[in-house]
């Protein structure tokens, strides 16, 4: 009986020690911007950006060349993406084309193991709370540009079936 309780206790301690780091880091947003902010609120904090819209998805792109994950960056940016209600729900951090291995290694060191690789073009980490994090490589000229995406997947509205037309 005591061996079973001890094993259970050790399992709980070991899980608690490693769980939640992604959520701890990003549950309130990043780069001084909180999840759910509007594009105007982001613009107030980062006035040098450019608003864009692509297939109905609104984003705000800010030049940003300071280190992220302790990796030097030049000619890179941060993209703030907004949902259909105009609220911030994802942040993309671009890196230089040759940095994919360094970014991947730093993410593993800081946030643990990624999910098993699949046919998807992204490397994802397990969802932690309402936060998803993944690394994608986007073609850019003659190289690929690594982009770390941090996404808040919590529902942003309290819509009912009636309001959405499902009743």
N, C-alpha and C. Protein backbone atom coordinates (compact mmCIF):
# COMPACT_ATOMS: atom_id res chain seq x y z
N UNK A 1 0.82 -1.19 0.00
CA UNK A 1 0.00 0.00 0.00
C UNK A 1 0.87 1.26 0.00
N UNK A 2 1.88 1.27 0.88
CA UNK A 2 2.73 2.45 0.96
C UNK A 2 3.55 2.64 -0.30
N UNK A 3 3.96 1.53 -0.93
CA UNK A 3 4.71 1.63 -2.18
C UNK A 3 3.85 2.29 -3.26
N UNK A 4 2.59 1.92 -3.32
CA UNK A 4 1.67 2.51 -4.30
C UNK A 4 1.47 3.99 -4.05
N UNK A 5 1.31 4.35 -2.78
CA UNK A 5 1.13 5.77 -2.45
C UNK A 5 2.39 6.56 -2.75
N UNK A 6 3.55 5.97 -2.46
CA UNK A 6 4.82 6.64 -2.73
C UNK A 6 5.00 6.84 -4.24
N UNK A 7 4.69 5.80 -5.01
CA UNK A 7 4.81 5.92 -6.47
C UNK A 7 3.88 7.00 -7.00
N UNK A 8 2.66 7.04 -6.50
CA UNK A 8 1.69 8.05 -6.93
C UNK A 8 2.18 9.44 -6.56
N UNK A 9 2.71 9.60 -5.34
CA UNK A 9 3.23 10.89 -4.89
C UNK A 9 4.39 11.35 -5.76
N UNK A 10 5.32 10.45 -6.07
CA UNK A 10 6.46 10.80 -6.91
C UNK A 10 6.01 11.17 -8.32
N UNK A 11 5.03 10.47 -8.83
CA UNK A 11 4.50 10.79 -10.15
C UNK A 11 3.88 12.19 -10.16
N UNK A 12 3.12 12.52 -9.15
CA UNK A 12 2.51 13.85 -9.06
C UNK A 12 3.56 14.95 -8.96
N UNK A 13 4.59 14.71 -8.16
CA UNK A 13 5.65 15.71 -8.00
C UNK A 13 6.39 15.90 -9.32
N UNK A 14 6.73 14.81 -9.99
CA UNK A 14 7.50 14.94 -11.24
C UNK A 14 6.67 15.63 -12.31
N UNK A 15 5.37 15.37 -12.42
CA UNK A 15 4.53 16.05 -13.40
C UNK A 15 4.37 17.52 -13.05
N UNK A 16 4.22 17.83 -11.79
CA UNK A 16 4.05 19.22 -11.39
C UNK A 16 5.29 20.04 -11.66
N UNK A 17 6.46 19.39 -11.57
CA UNK A 17 7.70 20.11 -11.78
C UNK A 17 7.88 20.54 -13.23
N UNK A 18 7.32 19.83 -14.18
CA UNK A 18 7.55 20.12 -15.59
C UNK A 18 6.32 20.64 -16.32
N UNK A 19 5.16 20.49 -15.77
CA UNK A 19 3.94 20.89 -16.47
C UNK A 19 3.71 22.38 -16.33
N UNK A 20 3.18 22.97 -17.38
CA UNK A 20 2.72 24.33 -17.28
C UNK A 20 3.69 25.42 -17.64
N UNK A 21 4.88 25.12 -18.13
CA UNK A 21 5.85 26.18 -18.42
C UNK A 21 5.39 27.07 -19.58
N UNK A 22 4.82 26.49 -20.62
CA UNK A 22 4.35 27.29 -21.74
C UNK A 22 3.22 28.21 -21.27
N UNK A 23 2.27 27.67 -20.54
CA UNK A 23 1.16 28.47 -20.02
C UNK A 23 1.68 29.54 -19.05
N UNK A 24 2.64 29.18 -18.20
CA UNK A 24 3.22 30.16 -17.27
C UNK A 24 3.84 31.34 -18.02
N UNK A 25 4.54 31.05 -19.09
CA UNK A 25 5.20 32.10 -19.87
C UNK A 25 4.20 32.96 -20.63
N UNK A 26 3.19 32.35 -21.23
CA UNK A 26 2.38 33.05 -22.24
C UNK A 26 0.90 33.20 -21.92
N UNK A 27 0.44 32.80 -20.74
CA UNK A 27 -0.99 32.86 -20.45
C UNK A 27 -1.54 34.29 -20.49
N UNK A 28 -0.70 35.28 -20.26
CA UNK A 28 -1.16 36.67 -20.29
C UNK A 28 -0.75 37.41 -21.56
N UNK A 29 -0.14 36.71 -22.52
CA UNK A 29 0.29 37.33 -23.77
C UNK A 29 1.81 37.36 -23.86
N UNK A 30 2.33 38.25 -24.71
CA UNK A 30 3.78 38.39 -24.89
C UNK A 30 4.08 39.75 -25.49
N UNK A 31 5.31 40.18 -25.34
CA UNK A 31 5.79 41.45 -25.88
C UNK A 31 4.95 42.63 -25.36
N UNK A 32 4.49 42.52 -24.13
CA UNK A 32 3.73 43.59 -23.50
C UNK A 32 2.27 43.67 -23.92
N UNK A 33 1.81 42.72 -24.72
CA UNK A 33 0.44 42.74 -25.24
C UNK A 33 -0.33 41.57 -24.65
N UNK A 34 -1.53 41.85 -24.14
CA UNK A 34 -2.36 40.80 -23.56
C UNK A 34 -3.27 40.18 -24.62
N UNK A 35 -3.57 38.89 -24.44
CA UNK A 35 -4.53 38.21 -25.30
C UNK A 35 -5.85 38.97 -25.25
N UNK A 36 -6.51 39.08 -26.36
CA UNK A 36 -7.79 39.77 -26.41
C UNK A 36 -7.66 41.25 -26.72
N UNK A 37 -6.44 41.77 -26.80
CA UNK A 37 -6.25 43.18 -27.14
C UNK A 37 -6.73 43.44 -28.56
N UNK A 38 -7.11 44.67 -28.83
CA UNK A 38 -7.50 45.07 -30.19
C UNK A 38 -6.26 45.55 -30.94
N UNK A 39 -6.41 45.69 -32.24
CA UNK A 39 -5.27 46.17 -33.04
C UNK A 39 -4.86 47.58 -32.61
N UNK A 40 -5.81 48.41 -32.22
CA UNK A 40 -5.48 49.76 -31.74
C UNK A 40 -4.66 49.71 -30.46
N UNK A 41 -4.99 48.78 -29.56
CA UNK A 41 -4.23 48.64 -28.32
C UNK A 41 -2.81 48.15 -28.60
N UNK A 42 -2.67 47.25 -29.58
CA UNK A 42 -1.33 46.78 -29.96
C UNK A 42 -0.55 47.93 -30.60
N UNK A 43 -1.22 48.69 -31.45
CA UNK A 43 -0.58 49.82 -32.12
C UNK A 43 -0.06 50.85 -31.11
N UNK A 44 -0.79 51.06 -30.03
CA UNK A 44 -0.33 52.00 -28.98
C UNK A 44 0.99 51.54 -28.37
N UNK A 45 1.14 50.23 -28.16
CA UNK A 45 2.37 49.69 -27.58
C UNK A 45 3.50 49.56 -28.59
N UNK A 46 3.14 49.30 -29.85
CA UNK A 46 4.13 49.07 -30.92
C UNK A 46 3.74 49.94 -32.12
N UNK A 47 4.02 51.25 -32.07
CA UNK A 47 3.52 52.17 -33.10
C UNK A 47 4.17 52.05 -34.48
N UNK A 48 5.27 51.31 -34.62
CA UNK A 48 5.97 51.25 -35.90
C UNK A 48 5.51 50.10 -36.79
N UNK A 49 4.38 49.52 -36.48
CA UNK A 49 3.89 48.37 -37.24
C UNK A 49 3.03 48.76 -38.43
N UNK A 50 2.64 47.74 -39.18
CA UNK A 50 1.78 47.91 -40.35
C UNK A 50 0.62 46.94 -40.25
N UNK A 51 -0.59 47.44 -40.42
CA UNK A 51 -1.78 46.58 -40.41
C UNK A 51 -1.96 45.97 -41.79
N UNK A 52 -2.32 44.68 -41.81
CA UNK A 52 -2.58 43.97 -43.07
C UNK A 52 -3.78 43.07 -42.88
N UNK A 53 -4.40 42.74 -44.00
CA UNK A 53 -5.50 41.78 -43.97
C UNK A 53 -5.31 40.81 -45.12
N UNK A 54 -5.46 39.52 -44.82
CA UNK A 54 -5.31 38.48 -45.82
C UNK A 54 -6.44 37.48 -45.62
N UNK A 55 -7.23 37.25 -46.62
CA UNK A 55 -8.42 36.39 -46.59
C UNK A 55 -9.27 36.61 -45.33
N UNK A 56 -9.46 37.87 -45.01
CA UNK A 56 -10.31 38.22 -43.88
C UNK A 56 -9.65 38.14 -42.52
N UNK A 57 -8.38 37.77 -42.47
CA UNK A 57 -7.65 37.69 -41.20
C UNK A 57 -6.82 38.95 -41.05
N UNK A 58 -7.07 39.66 -39.97
CA UNK A 58 -6.38 40.91 -39.71
C UNK A 58 -5.10 40.65 -38.91
N UNK A 59 -4.01 41.30 -39.31
CA UNK A 59 -2.76 41.17 -38.57
C UNK A 59 -2.07 42.53 -38.48
N UNK A 60 -1.13 42.60 -37.57
CA UNK A 60 -0.35 43.81 -37.36
C UNK A 60 1.10 43.36 -37.25
N UNK A 61 1.94 43.81 -38.19
CA UNK A 61 3.32 43.34 -38.30
C UNK A 61 4.26 44.44 -37.82
N UNK A 62 5.10 44.09 -36.86
CA UNK A 62 6.01 45.04 -36.24
C UNK A 62 7.46 44.61 -36.49
N UNK A 63 8.28 45.50 -37.08
CA UNK A 63 9.71 45.17 -37.20
C UNK A 63 10.29 44.95 -35.79
N UNK A 64 11.08 43.89 -35.64
CA UNK A 64 11.59 43.54 -34.30
C UNK A 64 12.87 42.76 -34.48
N UNK A 65 13.98 43.36 -34.11
CA UNK A 65 15.28 42.72 -34.32
C UNK A 65 16.06 42.50 -33.04
N UNK A 66 15.38 42.43 -31.91
CA UNK A 66 16.08 42.13 -30.66
C UNK A 66 16.05 40.62 -30.42
N UNK A 67 16.98 40.11 -29.62
CA UNK A 67 17.05 38.66 -29.40
C UNK A 67 15.77 38.10 -28.78
N UNK A 68 15.40 36.92 -29.24
CA UNK A 68 14.32 36.12 -28.67
C UNK A 68 14.88 34.71 -28.51
N UNK A 69 14.62 34.07 -27.40
CA UNK A 69 15.19 32.76 -27.06
C UNK A 69 16.72 32.81 -27.02
N UNK A 70 17.25 34.03 -26.75
CA UNK A 70 18.70 34.28 -26.72
C UNK A 70 19.33 34.12 -28.10
N UNK A 71 18.53 34.26 -29.16
CA UNK A 71 19.01 34.14 -30.53
C UNK A 71 18.98 35.54 -31.16
N UNK A 72 20.12 35.97 -31.67
CA UNK A 72 20.20 37.27 -32.35
C UNK A 72 19.32 37.24 -33.59
N UNK A 73 18.64 38.36 -33.86
CA UNK A 73 17.74 38.45 -35.02
C UNK A 73 17.95 39.80 -35.71
N UNK A 74 17.97 39.78 -37.03
CA UNK A 74 18.05 41.00 -37.83
C UNK A 74 17.01 40.90 -38.94
N UNK A 75 16.45 42.04 -39.32
CA UNK A 75 15.45 42.06 -40.40
C UNK A 75 14.34 41.06 -40.15
N UNK A 76 13.86 41.01 -38.92
CA UNK A 76 12.80 40.08 -38.54
C UNK A 76 11.63 40.88 -37.98
N UNK A 77 10.55 40.18 -37.69
CA UNK A 77 9.37 40.88 -37.20
C UNK A 77 8.57 40.02 -36.25
N UNK A 78 7.56 40.67 -35.67
CA UNK A 78 6.56 40.00 -34.85
C UNK A 78 5.21 40.28 -35.52
N UNK A 79 4.41 39.24 -35.71
CA UNK A 79 3.09 39.40 -36.30
C UNK A 79 2.04 39.10 -35.25
N UNK A 80 1.20 40.08 -34.98
CA UNK A 80 0.08 39.92 -34.07
C UNK A 80 -1.15 39.63 -34.93
N UNK A 81 -1.85 38.54 -34.68
CA UNK A 81 -2.99 38.14 -35.50
C UNK A 81 -4.26 38.18 -34.66
N UNK A 82 -5.35 38.62 -35.29
CA UNK A 82 -6.61 38.87 -34.58
C UNK A 82 -7.71 37.95 -35.12
N UNK A 83 -8.61 37.56 -34.24
CA UNK A 83 -9.70 36.67 -34.63
C UNK A 83 -10.83 37.46 -35.29
N UNK A 84 -11.94 36.79 -35.58
CA UNK A 84 -13.07 37.43 -36.28
C UNK A 84 -13.72 38.55 -35.48
N UNK A 85 -13.44 38.58 -34.17
CA UNK A 85 -13.98 39.65 -33.32
C UNK A 85 -12.99 40.79 -33.12
N UNK A 86 -11.84 40.70 -33.81
CA UNK A 86 -10.84 41.75 -33.70
C UNK A 86 -10.01 41.69 -32.44
N UNK A 87 -9.93 40.50 -31.82
CA UNK A 87 -9.17 40.33 -30.59
C UNK A 87 -7.91 39.50 -30.86
N UNK A 88 -6.80 39.91 -30.24
CA UNK A 88 -5.54 39.20 -30.42
C UNK A 88 -5.66 37.75 -29.97
N UNK A 89 -5.26 36.83 -30.87
CA UNK A 89 -5.30 35.42 -30.48
C UNK A 89 -4.03 34.67 -30.85
N UNK A 90 -3.11 35.29 -31.63
CA UNK A 90 -1.87 34.60 -31.97
C UNK A 90 -0.76 35.61 -32.19
N UNK A 91 0.46 35.18 -31.89
CA UNK A 91 1.66 36.00 -32.09
C UNK A 91 2.69 35.15 -32.80
N UNK A 92 3.21 35.66 -33.91
CA UNK A 92 4.25 34.96 -34.66
C UNK A 92 5.56 35.72 -34.55
N UNK A 93 6.64 35.01 -34.22
CA UNK A 93 7.96 35.61 -34.09
C UNK A 93 8.85 35.02 -35.17
N UNK A 94 9.32 35.87 -36.10
CA UNK A 94 10.16 35.35 -37.18
C UNK A 94 11.64 35.39 -36.80
N UNK A 95 12.37 34.47 -37.39
CA UNK A 95 13.81 34.37 -37.21
C UNK A 95 14.45 34.36 -38.59
N UNK A 96 15.76 34.48 -38.63
CA UNK A 96 16.46 34.45 -39.90
C UNK A 96 16.47 33.03 -40.45
N UNK A 97 16.60 32.93 -41.77
CA UNK A 97 16.48 31.65 -42.46
C UNK A 97 17.38 30.54 -41.99
N UNK A 98 18.56 30.84 -41.53
CA UNK A 98 19.50 29.79 -41.13
C UNK A 98 19.36 29.36 -39.67
N UNK A 99 18.38 29.91 -38.97
CA UNK A 99 18.27 29.70 -37.53
C UNK A 99 17.36 28.54 -37.12
N UNK A 100 16.80 27.77 -38.04
CA UNK A 100 15.79 26.77 -37.68
C UNK A 100 16.30 25.77 -36.64
N UNK A 101 17.51 25.24 -36.81
CA UNK A 101 18.03 24.26 -35.85
C UNK A 101 18.26 24.91 -34.49
N UNK A 102 18.75 26.14 -34.48
CA UNK A 102 19.00 26.85 -33.22
C UNK A 102 17.69 27.17 -32.50
N UNK A 103 16.68 27.59 -33.25
CA UNK A 103 15.37 27.89 -32.66
C UNK A 103 14.76 26.62 -32.08
N UNK A 104 14.78 25.54 -32.85
CA UNK A 104 14.22 24.26 -32.40
C UNK A 104 14.93 23.78 -31.13
N UNK A 105 16.25 23.86 -31.12
CA UNK A 105 17.02 23.42 -29.96
C UNK A 105 16.70 24.26 -28.74
N UNK A 106 16.59 25.57 -28.92
CA UNK A 106 16.28 26.45 -27.79
C UNK A 106 14.87 26.19 -27.25
N UNK A 107 13.92 25.95 -28.16
CA UNK A 107 12.55 25.65 -27.72
C UNK A 107 12.51 24.36 -26.90
N UNK A 108 13.23 23.33 -27.36
CA UNK A 108 13.27 22.06 -26.62
C UNK A 108 13.93 22.25 -25.25
N UNK A 109 15.00 23.04 -25.21
CA UNK A 109 15.70 23.27 -23.95
C UNK A 109 14.83 24.03 -22.95
N UNK A 110 14.07 24.99 -23.45
CA UNK A 110 13.29 25.85 -22.57
C UNK A 110 11.88 25.35 -22.28
N UNK A 111 11.29 24.58 -23.21
CA UNK A 111 9.89 24.18 -23.05
C UNK A 111 9.67 22.68 -23.12
N UNK A 112 10.71 21.89 -23.23
CA UNK A 112 10.58 20.44 -23.21
C UNK A 112 10.34 19.85 -24.59
N UNK A 113 9.99 18.59 -24.57
CA UNK A 113 9.82 17.83 -25.81
C UNK A 113 8.62 18.28 -26.61
N UNK A 114 8.80 18.27 -27.91
CA UNK A 114 7.70 18.56 -28.83
C UNK A 114 6.86 17.31 -29.03
N UNK A 115 5.69 17.50 -29.63
CA UNK A 115 4.84 16.36 -29.96
C UNK A 115 5.53 15.53 -31.04
N UNK A 116 5.17 14.26 -31.17
CA UNK A 116 5.76 13.45 -32.24
C UNK A 116 5.54 14.12 -33.60
N UNK A 117 6.55 14.04 -34.45
CA UNK A 117 6.46 14.64 -35.77
C UNK A 117 5.44 13.88 -36.61
N UNK A 118 4.79 14.61 -37.50
CA UNK A 118 3.78 14.00 -38.37
C UNK A 118 3.98 14.55 -39.78
N UNK A 119 2.99 14.40 -40.62
CA UNK A 119 3.06 14.93 -41.98
C UNK A 119 2.84 16.44 -42.01
N UNK A 120 2.54 17.02 -40.88
CA UNK A 120 2.30 18.46 -40.79
C UNK A 120 3.61 19.22 -40.99
N UNK A 121 3.55 20.39 -41.61
CA UNK A 121 4.77 21.18 -41.79
C UNK A 121 5.20 21.94 -40.54
N UNK A 122 4.55 21.67 -39.42
CA UNK A 122 4.91 22.38 -38.20
C UNK A 122 5.37 21.40 -37.12
N UNK A 123 6.19 21.92 -36.23
CA UNK A 123 6.63 21.18 -35.05
C UNK A 123 5.88 21.80 -33.89
N UNK A 124 5.06 21.00 -33.23
CA UNK A 124 4.19 21.52 -32.18
C UNK A 124 4.61 21.00 -30.81
N UNK A 125 4.32 21.81 -29.80
CA UNK A 125 4.49 21.38 -28.41
C UNK A 125 3.10 21.09 -27.86
N UNK A 126 2.99 20.22 -26.88
CA UNK A 126 1.67 19.89 -26.34
C UNK A 126 0.96 21.15 -25.84
N UNK A 127 -0.35 21.22 -26.09
CA UNK A 127 -1.13 22.36 -25.60
C UNK A 127 -1.02 22.42 -24.10
N UNK A 128 -0.78 23.60 -23.58
CA UNK A 128 -0.63 23.81 -22.15
C UNK A 128 -1.65 24.86 -21.72
N UNK A 129 -2.66 24.46 -20.97
CA UNK A 129 -3.75 25.37 -20.63
C UNK A 129 -4.45 25.78 -21.92
N UNK A 130 -4.54 27.07 -22.16
CA UNK A 130 -5.15 27.57 -23.40
C UNK A 130 -4.11 27.99 -24.44
N UNK A 131 -2.86 27.59 -24.25
CA UNK A 131 -1.79 28.05 -25.12
C UNK A 131 -1.25 26.90 -25.97
N UNK A 132 -1.19 27.16 -27.28
CA UNK A 132 -0.54 26.25 -28.22
C UNK A 132 0.72 26.96 -28.73
N UNK A 133 1.75 26.20 -28.98
CA UNK A 133 2.99 26.78 -29.48
C UNK A 133 3.54 25.85 -30.56
N UNK A 134 3.93 26.42 -31.69
CA UNK A 134 4.50 25.59 -32.75
C UNK A 134 5.47 26.39 -33.59
N UNK A 135 6.35 25.66 -34.25
CA UNK A 135 7.39 26.23 -35.11
C UNK A 135 7.11 25.79 -36.53
N UNK A 136 7.06 26.75 -37.44
CA UNK A 136 6.86 26.46 -38.86
C UNK A 136 8.00 27.08 -39.65
N UNK A 137 8.23 26.56 -40.84
CA UNK A 137 9.22 27.12 -41.76
C UNK A 137 8.48 27.64 -42.97
N UNK A 138 8.61 28.94 -43.22
CA UNK A 138 7.91 29.59 -44.31
C UNK A 138 8.90 29.93 -45.41
N UNK A 139 8.63 29.51 -46.66
CA UNK A 139 9.55 29.85 -47.76
C UNK A 139 9.72 31.36 -47.86
N UNK A 140 10.98 31.78 -48.01
CA UNK A 140 11.30 33.20 -48.10
C UNK A 140 12.51 33.37 -49.01
N UNK A 141 12.26 33.77 -50.25
CA UNK A 141 13.36 33.92 -51.19
C UNK A 141 14.01 32.58 -51.46
N UNK A 142 15.31 32.50 -51.19
CA UNK A 142 16.06 31.26 -51.45
C UNK A 142 16.28 30.43 -50.18
N UNK A 143 15.54 30.73 -49.13
CA UNK A 143 15.68 29.97 -47.88
C UNK A 143 14.30 29.81 -47.25
N UNK A 144 14.29 29.25 -46.07
CA UNK A 144 13.05 29.16 -45.30
C UNK A 144 13.22 29.97 -44.04
N UNK A 145 12.16 30.62 -43.63
CA UNK A 145 12.18 31.49 -42.47
C UNK A 145 11.44 30.80 -41.33
N UNK A 146 12.13 30.48 -40.23
CA UNK A 146 11.43 29.88 -39.09
C UNK A 146 10.54 30.92 -38.41
N UNK A 147 9.32 30.51 -38.07
CA UNK A 147 8.38 31.37 -37.35
C UNK A 147 7.84 30.59 -36.16
N UNK A 148 8.05 31.13 -34.97
CA UNK A 148 7.48 30.57 -33.75
C UNK A 148 6.11 31.20 -33.57
N UNK A 149 5.08 30.37 -33.48
CA UNK A 149 3.72 30.87 -33.28
C UNK A 149 3.23 30.47 -31.90
N UNK A 150 2.73 31.46 -31.18
CA UNK A 150 2.14 31.26 -29.86
C UNK A 150 0.67 31.64 -30.01
N UNK A 151 -0.21 30.72 -29.69
CA UNK A 151 -1.64 30.92 -29.95
C UNK A 151 -2.47 30.69 -28.70
N UNK A 152 -3.36 31.61 -28.43
CA UNK A 152 -4.31 31.45 -27.34
C UNK A 152 -5.59 30.85 -27.93
N UNK A 153 -5.92 29.63 -27.55
CA UNK A 153 -7.06 28.92 -28.14
C UNK A 153 -8.32 29.00 -27.27
N UNK A 154 -8.28 29.81 -26.21
CA UNK A 154 -9.47 29.97 -25.37
C UNK A 154 -10.56 30.67 -26.18
N UNK A 155 -11.81 30.25 -26.05
CA UNK A 155 -12.89 30.95 -26.74
C UNK A 155 -12.90 32.42 -26.32
N UNK A 156 -13.07 33.31 -27.29
CA UNK A 156 -13.03 34.74 -26.97
C UNK A 156 -14.41 35.34 -26.83
N UNK A 157 -15.43 34.54 -27.10
CA UNK A 157 -16.79 35.10 -26.97
C UNK A 157 -17.65 34.13 -26.17
N UNK A 158 -18.73 34.65 -25.70
CA UNK A 158 -19.69 33.86 -24.93
C UNK A 158 -20.95 33.64 -25.77
N UNK A 159 -20.78 33.49 -27.08
CA UNK A 159 -21.91 33.38 -28.00
C UNK A 159 -22.74 32.13 -27.69
N UNK A 160 -24.02 32.26 -27.95
CA UNK A 160 -24.95 31.14 -27.75
C UNK A 160 -25.23 30.48 -29.09
N UNK A 161 -25.91 29.34 -29.03
CA UNK A 161 -26.34 28.68 -30.26
C UNK A 161 -27.22 29.59 -31.09
N UNK A 162 -28.12 30.28 -30.41
CA UNK A 162 -29.03 31.21 -31.11
C UNK A 162 -28.24 32.30 -31.82
N UNK A 163 -27.32 32.93 -31.12
CA UNK A 163 -26.54 34.03 -31.69
C UNK A 163 -25.72 33.58 -32.90
N UNK A 164 -25.27 32.32 -32.88
CA UNK A 164 -24.46 31.81 -33.98
C UNK A 164 -25.29 31.11 -35.04
N UNK A 165 -26.60 31.01 -34.84
CA UNK A 165 -27.48 30.42 -35.84
C UNK A 165 -27.53 28.92 -35.85
N UNK A 166 -27.20 28.27 -34.74
CA UNK A 166 -27.25 26.82 -34.67
C UNK A 166 -28.49 26.29 -33.98
N UNK A 167 -29.48 27.11 -33.75
CA UNK A 167 -30.68 26.65 -33.08
C UNK A 167 -31.87 26.67 -34.00
